[in-house]
């Protein structure tokens, strides 16, 4: 039995523990350790997406829309829709749809390229910048409350471990930092 399996057998029983026990019953010959980690990461991601980030929801934004606004704010420069898609790991079609909604709300402005009419340059409006600056502290506080049960040491340890996993995946998938 792997270390993760030992922890799952003696620790709190989450949905992944139940799935692992079922697999161990029908296939005791396989190591379910990777399932315990990836399954929990996927389950956490799904639950976080379902929660839809309370401060953002109150402002009428989705996480994906806030990511676009936040990217424009943190880079401090105009970006093309393609730049935003790369920065946020979203498809071009999804970015285009979100940008249209954000422009209709007056949160971003679009400027055409003087050399190529197919290209547009996007920036935050004053209203968009103010909204991001207003929401960011409450969003971070909300995210902190989601993690509060872990405690500072485990919080830091989890961040480091997930960072290592992310670097490994980015290197393997060719999606490293820009």
N, C-alpha and C. Protein backbone atom coordinates (compact mmCIF):
# COMPACT_ATOMS: atom_id res chain seq x y z
N UNK A 1 0.85 -1.19 0.00
CA UNK A 1 0.00 0.00 0.00
C UNK A 1 0.89 1.24 0.00
N UNK A 2 0.55 2.24 -0.85
CA UNK A 2 1.36 3.46 -0.95
C UNK A 2 1.15 4.34 0.27
N UNK A 3 2.02 5.35 0.40
CA UNK A 3 1.88 6.31 1.50
C UNK A 3 0.54 7.01 1.41
N UNK A 4 0.14 7.39 0.19
CA UNK A 4 -1.15 8.05 0.03
C UNK A 4 -2.28 7.10 0.44
N UNK A 5 -2.14 5.83 0.10
CA UNK A 5 -3.18 4.87 0.46
C UNK A 5 -3.27 4.73 1.97
N UNK A 6 -2.11 4.72 2.65
CA UNK A 6 -2.12 4.66 4.11
C UNK A 6 -2.84 5.87 4.68
N UNK A 7 -2.55 7.05 4.14
CA UNK A 7 -3.19 8.29 4.62
C UNK A 7 -4.69 8.23 4.36
N UNK A 8 -5.07 7.75 3.16
CA UNK A 8 -6.49 7.68 2.83
C UNK A 8 -7.21 6.70 3.74
N UNK A 9 -6.53 5.62 4.11
CA UNK A 9 -7.17 4.60 4.94
C UNK A 9 -7.33 5.07 6.38
N UNK A 10 -6.43 5.97 6.85
CA UNK A 10 -6.49 6.38 8.25
C UNK A 10 -6.99 7.80 8.43
N UNK A 11 -6.94 8.62 7.40
CA UNK A 11 -7.34 10.02 7.50
C UNK A 11 -8.83 10.19 7.26
N UNK A 12 -9.26 11.45 7.16
CA UNK A 12 -10.67 11.71 6.88
C UNK A 12 -11.07 11.09 5.54
N UNK A 13 -12.26 10.58 5.49
CA UNK A 13 -12.73 9.92 4.28
C UNK A 13 -13.46 10.90 3.39
N UNK A 14 -12.82 11.25 2.28
CA UNK A 14 -13.45 12.10 1.29
C UNK A 14 -13.95 11.20 0.15
N UNK A 15 -14.54 11.80 -0.86
CA UNK A 15 -15.10 11.03 -1.97
C UNK A 15 -14.01 10.23 -2.69
N UNK A 16 -12.82 10.80 -2.79
CA UNK A 16 -11.73 10.10 -3.47
C UNK A 16 -11.32 8.86 -2.68
N UNK A 17 -11.33 8.94 -1.35
CA UNK A 17 -11.01 7.77 -0.53
C UNK A 17 -11.96 6.62 -0.83
N UNK A 18 -13.22 6.95 -0.99
CA UNK A 18 -14.22 5.93 -1.31
C UNK A 18 -13.94 5.29 -2.67
N UNK A 19 -13.63 6.11 -3.65
CA UNK A 19 -13.32 5.61 -5.00
C UNK A 19 -12.09 4.70 -4.96
N UNK A 20 -11.07 5.14 -4.23
CA UNK A 20 -9.83 4.36 -4.12
C UNK A 20 -10.10 3.02 -3.46
N UNK A 21 -10.86 3.02 -2.39
CA UNK A 21 -11.20 1.75 -1.71
C UNK A 21 -11.91 0.80 -2.67
N UNK A 22 -12.83 1.35 -3.48
CA UNK A 22 -13.54 0.50 -4.44
C UNK A 22 -12.57 -0.10 -5.46
N UNK A 23 -11.65 0.73 -5.98
CA UNK A 23 -10.66 0.22 -6.93
C UNK A 23 -9.76 -0.82 -6.28
N UNK A 24 -9.36 -0.59 -5.05
CA UNK A 24 -8.49 -1.55 -4.35
C UNK A 24 -9.21 -2.88 -4.14
N UNK A 25 -10.52 -2.82 -3.96
CA UNK A 25 -11.29 -4.06 -3.77
C UNK A 25 -11.34 -4.88 -5.05
N UNK A 26 -11.49 -4.21 -6.20
CA UNK A 26 -11.61 -4.96 -7.45
C UNK A 26 -10.27 -5.13 -8.17
N UNK A 27 -9.30 -4.27 -7.88
CA UNK A 27 -7.97 -4.37 -8.51
C UNK A 27 -6.88 -4.11 -7.47
N UNK A 28 -6.71 -5.01 -6.51
CA UNK A 28 -5.70 -4.81 -5.47
C UNK A 28 -4.27 -4.82 -6.02
N UNK A 29 -4.10 -5.21 -7.26
CA UNK A 29 -2.78 -5.30 -7.87
C UNK A 29 -2.25 -3.98 -8.42
N UNK A 30 -3.07 -2.92 -8.42
CA UNK A 30 -2.62 -1.65 -8.99
C UNK A 30 -2.40 -0.61 -7.89
N UNK A 31 -1.47 0.29 -8.15
CA UNK A 31 -1.17 1.38 -7.22
C UNK A 31 -2.09 2.56 -7.54
N UNK A 32 -2.96 2.88 -6.62
CA UNK A 32 -3.92 3.98 -6.83
C UNK A 32 -3.39 5.32 -6.32
N UNK A 33 -2.11 5.37 -5.93
CA UNK A 33 -1.54 6.61 -5.42
C UNK A 33 -1.75 7.81 -6.33
N UNK A 34 -1.45 7.69 -7.65
CA UNK A 34 -1.67 8.85 -8.52
C UNK A 34 -3.13 9.30 -8.55
N UNK A 35 -4.06 8.35 -8.50
CA UNK A 35 -5.48 8.68 -8.50
C UNK A 35 -5.84 9.50 -7.27
N UNK A 36 -5.19 9.18 -6.15
CA UNK A 36 -5.50 9.89 -4.91
C UNK A 36 -5.11 11.36 -5.00
N UNK A 37 -4.03 11.65 -5.67
CA UNK A 37 -3.58 13.04 -5.80
C UNK A 37 -4.35 13.76 -6.90
N UNK A 38 -4.31 13.21 -8.11
CA UNK A 38 -4.97 13.86 -9.25
C UNK A 38 -6.48 13.93 -9.01
N UNK A 39 -7.05 12.88 -8.46
CA UNK A 39 -8.49 12.89 -8.16
C UNK A 39 -8.86 14.00 -7.20
N UNK A 40 -8.04 14.20 -6.18
CA UNK A 40 -8.32 15.27 -5.21
C UNK A 40 -8.12 16.66 -5.83
N UNK A 41 -7.09 16.81 -6.65
CA UNK A 41 -6.89 18.09 -7.33
C UNK A 41 -8.10 18.39 -8.21
N UNK A 42 -8.53 17.41 -9.00
CA UNK A 42 -9.69 17.61 -9.88
C UNK A 42 -10.95 17.90 -9.09
N UNK A 43 -11.16 17.19 -8.00
CA UNK A 43 -12.36 17.40 -7.17
C UNK A 43 -12.34 18.80 -6.54
N UNK A 44 -11.19 19.19 -6.03
CA UNK A 44 -11.07 20.55 -5.45
C UNK A 44 -11.36 21.60 -6.51
N UNK A 45 -10.79 21.42 -7.70
CA UNK A 45 -11.02 22.39 -8.78
C UNK A 45 -12.50 22.47 -9.13
N UNK A 46 -13.16 21.33 -9.21
CA UNK A 46 -14.59 21.32 -9.54
C UNK A 46 -15.41 22.03 -8.46
N UNK A 47 -15.10 21.76 -7.20
CA UNK A 47 -15.85 22.41 -6.11
C UNK A 47 -15.58 23.91 -6.07
N UNK A 48 -14.35 24.30 -6.32
CA UNK A 48 -14.04 25.74 -6.36
C UNK A 48 -14.77 26.42 -7.50
N UNK A 49 -14.87 25.76 -8.65
CA UNK A 49 -15.60 26.34 -9.78
C UNK A 49 -17.09 26.44 -9.46
N UNK A 50 -17.63 25.46 -8.76
CA UNK A 50 -19.05 25.51 -8.40
C UNK A 50 -19.33 26.67 -7.46
N UNK A 51 -18.40 26.95 -6.56
CA UNK A 51 -18.60 28.04 -5.60
C UNK A 51 -18.65 29.39 -6.30
N UNK A 52 -18.01 29.48 -7.47
CA UNK A 52 -18.02 30.67 -8.32
C UNK A 52 -17.58 31.95 -7.63
N UNK A 53 -16.73 31.86 -6.64
CA UNK A 53 -16.09 33.04 -6.09
C UNK A 53 -17.08 34.14 -5.71
N UNK A 54 -17.54 34.08 -4.49
CA UNK A 54 -18.59 34.98 -4.01
C UNK A 54 -18.40 36.46 -4.35
N UNK A 55 -17.23 37.07 -4.09
CA UNK A 55 -17.10 38.49 -4.42
C UNK A 55 -17.30 38.77 -5.91
N UNK A 56 -16.82 37.88 -6.75
CA UNK A 56 -16.97 38.08 -8.19
C UNK A 56 -18.44 37.95 -8.60
N UNK A 57 -19.10 36.97 -8.03
CA UNK A 57 -20.52 36.75 -8.33
C UNK A 57 -21.33 37.99 -7.96
N UNK A 58 -21.01 38.59 -6.81
CA UNK A 58 -21.72 39.80 -6.38
C UNK A 58 -21.50 40.96 -7.35
N UNK A 59 -20.36 40.97 -8.02
CA UNK A 59 -20.06 42.02 -8.99
C UNK A 59 -20.56 41.66 -10.39
N UNK A 60 -21.19 40.49 -10.51
CA UNK A 60 -21.71 40.07 -11.81
C UNK A 60 -20.65 39.58 -12.77
N UNK A 61 -19.53 39.08 -12.23
CA UNK A 61 -18.43 38.58 -13.05
C UNK A 61 -18.21 37.09 -12.80
N UNK A 62 -17.76 36.41 -13.82
CA UNK A 62 -17.30 35.04 -13.64
C UNK A 62 -15.80 35.08 -13.36
N UNK A 63 -15.26 33.97 -12.89
CA UNK A 63 -13.81 33.88 -12.66
C UNK A 63 -13.06 34.14 -13.97
N UNK A 64 -13.56 33.58 -15.06
CA UNK A 64 -12.89 33.74 -16.36
C UNK A 64 -12.88 35.21 -16.80
N UNK A 65 -13.97 35.93 -16.57
CA UNK A 65 -14.01 37.35 -16.92
C UNK A 65 -13.04 38.14 -16.04
N UNK A 66 -13.03 37.82 -14.75
CA UNK A 66 -12.12 38.50 -13.84
C UNK A 66 -10.66 38.22 -14.21
N UNK A 67 -10.39 37.00 -14.65
CA UNK A 67 -9.03 36.67 -15.09
C UNK A 67 -8.59 37.56 -16.26
N UNK A 68 -9.50 37.81 -17.20
CA UNK A 68 -9.18 38.70 -18.32
C UNK A 68 -8.92 40.12 -17.82
N UNK A 69 -9.82 40.62 -16.97
CA UNK A 69 -9.64 41.97 -16.44
C UNK A 69 -8.35 42.06 -15.62
N UNK A 70 -8.13 41.05 -14.79
CA UNK A 70 -6.93 41.03 -13.96
C UNK A 70 -5.65 40.97 -14.78
N UNK A 71 -5.68 40.24 -15.88
CA UNK A 71 -4.51 40.16 -16.76
C UNK A 71 -4.20 41.53 -17.36
N UNK A 72 -5.23 42.22 -17.80
CA UNK A 72 -5.01 43.57 -18.33
C UNK A 72 -4.49 44.51 -17.24
N UNK A 73 -4.97 44.34 -16.03
CA UNK A 73 -4.55 45.22 -14.93
C UNK A 73 -3.11 44.93 -14.51
N UNK A 74 -2.77 43.66 -14.36
CA UNK A 74 -1.44 43.32 -13.84
C UNK A 74 -0.33 43.54 -14.86
N UNK A 75 -0.66 43.41 -16.16
CA UNK A 75 0.38 43.65 -17.17
C UNK A 75 0.57 45.13 -17.42
N UNK A 76 -0.49 45.91 -17.20
CA UNK A 76 -0.38 47.36 -17.34
C UNK A 76 -0.17 47.85 -18.76
N UNK A 77 -0.54 47.03 -19.73
CA UNK A 77 -0.37 47.44 -21.13
C UNK A 77 -1.51 46.87 -21.96
N UNK A 78 -1.63 47.36 -23.17
CA UNK A 78 -2.63 46.81 -24.08
C UNK A 78 -2.23 45.40 -24.48
N UNK A 79 -3.26 44.55 -24.63
CA UNK A 79 -3.04 43.17 -25.07
C UNK A 79 -4.01 42.86 -26.20
N UNK A 80 -3.63 41.95 -27.05
CA UNK A 80 -4.54 41.48 -28.09
C UNK A 80 -5.37 40.33 -27.52
N UNK A 81 -6.48 39.99 -28.17
CA UNK A 81 -7.24 38.83 -27.72
C UNK A 81 -6.37 37.56 -27.67
N UNK A 82 -5.46 37.41 -28.62
CA UNK A 82 -4.56 36.25 -28.62
C UNK A 82 -3.64 36.25 -27.40
N UNK A 83 -3.14 37.43 -27.04
CA UNK A 83 -2.31 37.55 -25.83
C UNK A 83 -3.10 37.10 -24.61
N UNK A 84 -4.34 37.57 -24.52
CA UNK A 84 -5.19 37.23 -23.37
C UNK A 84 -5.49 35.73 -23.34
N UNK A 85 -5.71 35.14 -24.48
CA UNK A 85 -5.98 33.69 -24.53
C UNK A 85 -4.77 32.93 -24.00
N UNK A 86 -3.56 33.33 -24.42
CA UNK A 86 -2.35 32.66 -23.95
C UNK A 86 -2.14 32.88 -22.45
N UNK A 87 -2.37 34.08 -21.99
CA UNK A 87 -2.15 34.39 -20.58
C UNK A 87 -3.13 33.68 -19.65
N UNK A 88 -4.35 33.46 -20.12
CA UNK A 88 -5.39 32.88 -19.28
C UNK A 88 -5.68 31.42 -19.59
N UNK A 89 -4.96 30.84 -20.54
CA UNK A 89 -5.15 29.43 -20.93
C UNK A 89 -6.57 29.15 -21.38
N UNK A 90 -7.18 30.11 -22.06
CA UNK A 90 -8.55 29.97 -22.56
C UNK A 90 -8.50 29.89 -24.09
N UNK A 91 -9.56 29.35 -24.65
CA UNK A 91 -9.63 29.29 -26.11
C UNK A 91 -9.90 30.68 -26.67
N UNK A 92 -9.50 30.88 -27.91
CA UNK A 92 -9.75 32.16 -28.56
C UNK A 92 -11.23 32.50 -28.62
N UNK A 93 -12.06 31.50 -28.91
CA UNK A 93 -13.50 31.73 -28.99
C UNK A 93 -14.07 32.16 -27.64
N UNK A 94 -13.62 31.51 -26.57
CA UNK A 94 -14.11 31.86 -25.23
C UNK A 94 -13.68 33.28 -24.86
N UNK A 95 -12.46 33.63 -25.18
CA UNK A 95 -11.95 34.98 -24.89
C UNK A 95 -12.76 36.01 -25.66
N UNK A 96 -13.00 35.75 -26.93
CA UNK A 96 -13.77 36.69 -27.76
C UNK A 96 -15.15 36.94 -27.17
N UNK A 97 -15.82 35.88 -26.75
CA UNK A 97 -17.16 36.01 -26.16
C UNK A 97 -17.11 36.84 -24.87
N UNK A 98 -16.14 36.54 -24.01
CA UNK A 98 -16.02 37.26 -22.75
C UNK A 98 -15.66 38.73 -22.97
N UNK A 99 -14.78 38.98 -23.93
CA UNK A 99 -14.39 40.36 -24.21
C UNK A 99 -15.57 41.18 -24.69
N UNK A 100 -16.41 40.58 -25.52
CA UNK A 100 -17.60 41.29 -26.00
C UNK A 100 -18.48 41.71 -24.82
N UNK A 101 -18.69 40.80 -23.88
CA UNK A 101 -19.51 41.11 -22.71
C UNK A 101 -18.87 42.19 -21.85
N UNK A 102 -17.56 42.10 -21.67
CA UNK A 102 -16.87 43.09 -20.85
C UNK A 102 -16.86 44.46 -21.51
N UNK A 103 -16.76 44.48 -22.84
CA UNK A 103 -16.81 45.76 -23.56
C UNK A 103 -18.21 46.36 -23.46
N UNK A 104 -19.24 45.53 -23.57
CA UNK A 104 -20.62 46.03 -23.45
C UNK A 104 -20.87 46.62 -22.07
N UNK A 105 -20.20 46.11 -21.06
CA UNK A 105 -20.34 46.63 -19.69
C UNK A 105 -19.47 47.86 -19.46
N UNK A 106 -18.66 48.23 -20.44
CA UNK A 106 -17.82 49.41 -20.31
C UNK A 106 -16.57 49.18 -19.48
N UNK A 107 -16.13 47.92 -19.36
CA UNK A 107 -14.98 47.62 -18.52
C UNK A 107 -13.67 47.55 -19.32
N UNK A 108 -13.77 47.33 -20.62
CA UNK A 108 -12.59 47.32 -21.47
C UNK A 108 -12.86 48.16 -22.70
N UNK A 109 -11.79 48.65 -23.30
CA UNK A 109 -11.92 49.37 -24.56
C UNK A 109 -11.07 48.65 -25.60
N UNK A 110 -11.46 48.82 -26.84
CA UNK A 110 -10.82 48.14 -27.96
C UNK A 110 -10.33 49.19 -28.94
N UNK A 111 -9.09 49.05 -29.36
CA UNK A 111 -8.50 49.95 -30.33
C UNK A 111 -7.99 49.11 -31.49
N UNK A 112 -8.36 49.48 -32.70
CA UNK A 112 -7.90 48.76 -33.88
C UNK A 112 -6.43 49.01 -34.16
N UNK A 113 -5.80 48.04 -34.76
CA UNK A 113 -4.40 48.17 -35.14
C UNK A 113 -4.31 49.00 -36.42
N UNK A 114 -3.37 49.91 -36.47
CA UNK A 114 -3.24 50.78 -37.64
C UNK A 114 -2.69 50.04 -38.84
N UNK A 115 -1.96 48.95 -38.63
CA UNK A 115 -1.36 48.19 -39.73
C UNK A 115 -2.17 46.98 -40.15
N UNK A 116 -2.97 46.42 -39.22
CA UNK A 116 -3.71 45.20 -39.53
C UNK A 116 -5.11 45.33 -38.93
N UNK A 117 -6.10 45.51 -39.77
CA UNK A 117 -7.47 45.73 -39.28
C UNK A 117 -8.03 44.53 -38.53
N UNK A 118 -7.45 43.35 -38.74
CA UNK A 118 -7.94 42.15 -38.05
C UNK A 118 -7.53 42.11 -36.59
N UNK A 119 -6.54 42.92 -36.21
CA UNK A 119 -6.00 42.90 -34.86
C UNK A 119 -6.61 44.03 -34.04
N UNK A 120 -6.96 43.72 -32.81
CA UNK A 120 -7.42 44.78 -31.91
C UNK A 120 -6.56 44.74 -30.64
N UNK A 121 -6.43 45.92 -30.04
CA UNK A 121 -5.66 46.07 -28.82
C UNK A 121 -6.65 46.44 -27.72
N UNK A 122 -6.55 45.74 -26.60
CA UNK A 122 -7.50 45.90 -25.51
C UNK A 122 -6.84 46.51 -24.29
N UNK A 123 -7.61 47.33 -23.60
CA UNK A 123 -7.13 47.91 -22.35
C UNK A 123 -8.33 48.09 -21.43
N UNK A 124 -8.04 48.28 -20.17
CA UNK A 124 -9.10 48.53 -19.20
C UNK A 124 -9.56 49.97 -19.31
N UNK A 125 -10.84 50.16 -19.14
CA UNK A 125 -11.36 51.52 -18.99
C UNK A 125 -11.10 51.94 -17.54
N UNK A 126 -11.34 53.19 -17.24
CA UNK A 126 -11.20 53.63 -15.85
C UNK A 126 -12.13 52.83 -14.96
N UNK A 127 -13.35 52.56 -15.45
CA UNK A 127 -14.31 51.77 -14.68
C UNK A 127 -13.81 50.35 -14.46
N UNK A 128 -13.21 49.76 -15.49
CA UNK A 128 -12.67 48.41 -15.38
C UNK A 128 -11.52 48.34 -14.39
N UNK A 129 -10.62 49.32 -14.45
CA UNK A 129 -9.49 49.37 -13.52
C UNK A 129 -9.99 49.52 -12.08
N UNK A 130 -10.96 50.40 -11.89
CA UNK A 130 -11.50 50.61 -10.55
C UNK A 130 -12.17 49.34 -10.02
N UNK A 131 -12.89 48.63 -10.89
CA UNK A 131 -13.56 47.40 -10.46
C UNK A 131 -12.54 46.34 -10.04
N UNK A 132 -11.48 46.15 -10.82
CA UNK A 132 -10.45 45.17 -10.47
C UNK A 132 -9.81 45.56 -9.14
N UNK A 133 -9.45 46.84 -9.01
CA UNK A 133 -8.80 47.29 -7.78
C UNK A 133 -9.71 47.14 -6.57
N UNK A 134 -11.00 47.30 -6.78
CA UNK A 134 -11.97 47.13 -5.68
C UNK A 134 -12.16 45.66 -5.33
N UNK A 135 -12.26 44.81 -6.35
CA UNK A 135 -12.55 43.39 -6.12
C UNK A 135 -11.37 42.57 -5.64
N UNK A 136 -10.17 42.90 -6.06
CA UNK A 136 -9.02 42.06 -5.76
C UNK A 136 -8.84 41.79 -4.27
N UNK A 137 -8.87 42.81 -3.39
CA UNK A 137 -8.70 42.51 -1.96
C UNK A 137 -9.79 41.58 -1.41
N UNK A 138 -11.04 41.81 -1.80
CA UNK A 138 -12.11 40.95 -1.28
C UNK A 138 -12.03 39.55 -1.88
N UNK A 139 -11.61 39.44 -3.14
CA UNK A 139 -11.44 38.13 -3.76
C UNK A 139 -10.32 37.35 -3.06
N UNK A 140 -9.22 38.01 -2.79
CA UNK A 140 -8.12 37.35 -2.09
C UNK A 140 -8.52 36.95 -0.67
N UNK A 141 -9.31 37.79 -0.01
CA UNK A 141 -9.80 37.44 1.32
C UNK A 141 -10.72 36.22 1.26
N UNK A 142 -11.58 36.17 0.24
CA UNK A 142 -12.45 35.01 0.04
C UNK A 142 -11.63 33.75 -0.18
N UNK A 143 -10.63 33.84 -1.06
CA UNK A 143 -9.78 32.68 -1.33
C UNK A 143 -9.03 32.27 -0.07
N UNK A 144 -8.61 33.25 0.71
CA UNK A 144 -7.95 32.95 1.98
C UNK A 144 -8.87 32.20 2.93
N UNK A 145 -10.14 32.60 2.95
CA UNK A 145 -11.09 31.91 3.84
C UNK A 145 -11.34 30.48 3.39
N UNK A 146 -11.28 30.24 2.08
CA UNK A 146 -11.43 28.88 1.57
C UNK A 146 -10.28 28.00 2.07
N UNK A 147 -9.09 28.58 2.15
CA UNK A 147 -7.90 27.83 2.56
C UNK A 147 -7.63 27.87 4.07
N UNK A 148 -8.40 28.65 4.80
CA UNK A 148 -8.11 28.90 6.21
C UNK A 148 -8.03 27.63 7.05
N UNK A 149 -8.79 26.63 6.72
CA UNK A 149 -8.79 25.40 7.51
C UNK A 149 -7.50 24.62 7.44
N UNK A 150 -6.65 24.93 6.48
CA UNK A 150 -5.38 24.21 6.34
C UNK A 150 -4.34 24.64 7.37
N UNK A 151 -4.35 25.88 7.75
CA UNK A 151 -3.31 26.40 8.62
C UNK A 151 -2.14 26.90 7.78
N UNK A 152 -1.37 27.84 8.32
CA UNK A 152 -0.32 28.51 7.56
C UNK A 152 0.76 27.55 7.07
N UNK A 153 1.19 26.62 7.89
CA UNK A 153 2.26 25.70 7.47
C UNK A 153 1.81 24.81 6.33
N UNK A 154 0.62 24.24 6.44
CA UNK A 154 0.13 23.36 5.38
C UNK A 154 -0.20 24.16 4.13
N UNK A 155 -0.69 25.38 4.32
CA UNK A 155 -0.98 26.28 3.21
C UNK A 155 0.28 26.50 2.37
N UNK A 156 1.36 26.83 3.03
CA UNK A 156 2.64 27.06 2.36
C UNK A 156 3.15 25.78 1.72
N UNK A 157 3.06 24.68 2.45
CA UNK A 157 3.53 23.39 1.92
C UNK A 157 2.73 23.01 0.66
N UNK A 158 1.43 23.18 0.70
CA UNK A 158 0.59 22.86 -0.45
C UNK A 158 0.95 23.75 -1.64
N UNK A 159 1.18 25.03 -1.39
CA UNK A 159 1.54 25.95 -2.46
C UNK A 159 2.85 25.53 -3.13
N UNK A 160 3.83 25.16 -2.32
CA UNK A 160 5.13 24.73 -2.87
C UNK A 160 4.96 23.45 -3.68
N UNK A 161 4.25 22.48 -3.14
CA UNK A 161 4.05 21.21 -3.85
C UNK A 161 3.29 21.39 -5.16
N UNK A 162 2.24 22.20 -5.11
CA UNK A 162 1.48 22.45 -6.35
C UNK A 162 2.33 23.23 -7.35
N UNK A 163 3.16 24.13 -6.88
CA UNK A 163 4.06 24.85 -7.77
C UNK A 163 5.04 23.91 -8.46
N UNK A 164 5.57 22.94 -7.72
CA UNK A 164 6.47 21.95 -8.32
C UNK A 164 5.74 21.11 -9.36
N UNK A 165 4.52 20.69 -9.04
CA UNK A 165 3.73 19.90 -9.99
C UNK A 165 3.44 20.73 -11.24
N UNK A 166 3.07 22.00 -11.05
CA UNK A 166 2.76 22.87 -12.18
C UNK A 166 3.98 23.05 -13.09
N UNK A 167 5.14 23.27 -12.50
CA UNK A 167 6.35 23.41 -13.31
C UNK A 167 6.63 22.14 -14.11
N UNK A 168 6.43 21.00 -13.49
CA UNK A 168 6.63 19.73 -14.19
C UNK A 168 5.64 19.59 -15.34
N UNK A 169 4.38 19.91 -15.09
CA UNK A 169 3.37 19.80 -16.14
C UNK A 169 3.60 20.81 -17.26
N UNK A 170 3.96 22.02 -16.90
CA UNK A 170 4.23 23.04 -17.92
C UNK A 170 5.39 22.62 -18.80
N UNK A 171 6.42 22.05 -18.20
CA UNK A 171 7.56 21.57 -18.98
C UNK A 171 7.19 20.42 -19.88
N UNK A 172 6.37 19.52 -19.36
CA UNK A 172 5.96 18.35 -20.14
C UNK A 172 5.03 18.73 -21.27
N UNK A 173 4.13 19.66 -21.01
CA UNK A 173 3.13 20.02 -22.00
C UNK A 173 3.56 21.21 -22.87
N UNK A 174 4.73 21.76 -22.59
CA UNK A 174 5.22 22.88 -23.40
C UNK A 174 4.46 24.17 -23.18
N UNK A 175 3.89 24.33 -21.98
CA UNK A 175 3.09 25.53 -21.70
C UNK A 175 3.77 26.35 -20.61
N UNK A 176 5.07 26.50 -20.71
CA UNK A 176 5.82 27.23 -19.70
C UNK A 176 5.48 28.70 -19.66
N UNK A 177 6.06 29.42 -18.71
CA UNK A 177 5.80 30.85 -18.56
C UNK A 177 6.19 31.61 -19.82
N UNK A 178 5.53 32.73 -20.05
CA UNK A 178 5.76 33.54 -21.24
C UNK A 178 6.88 34.52 -20.99
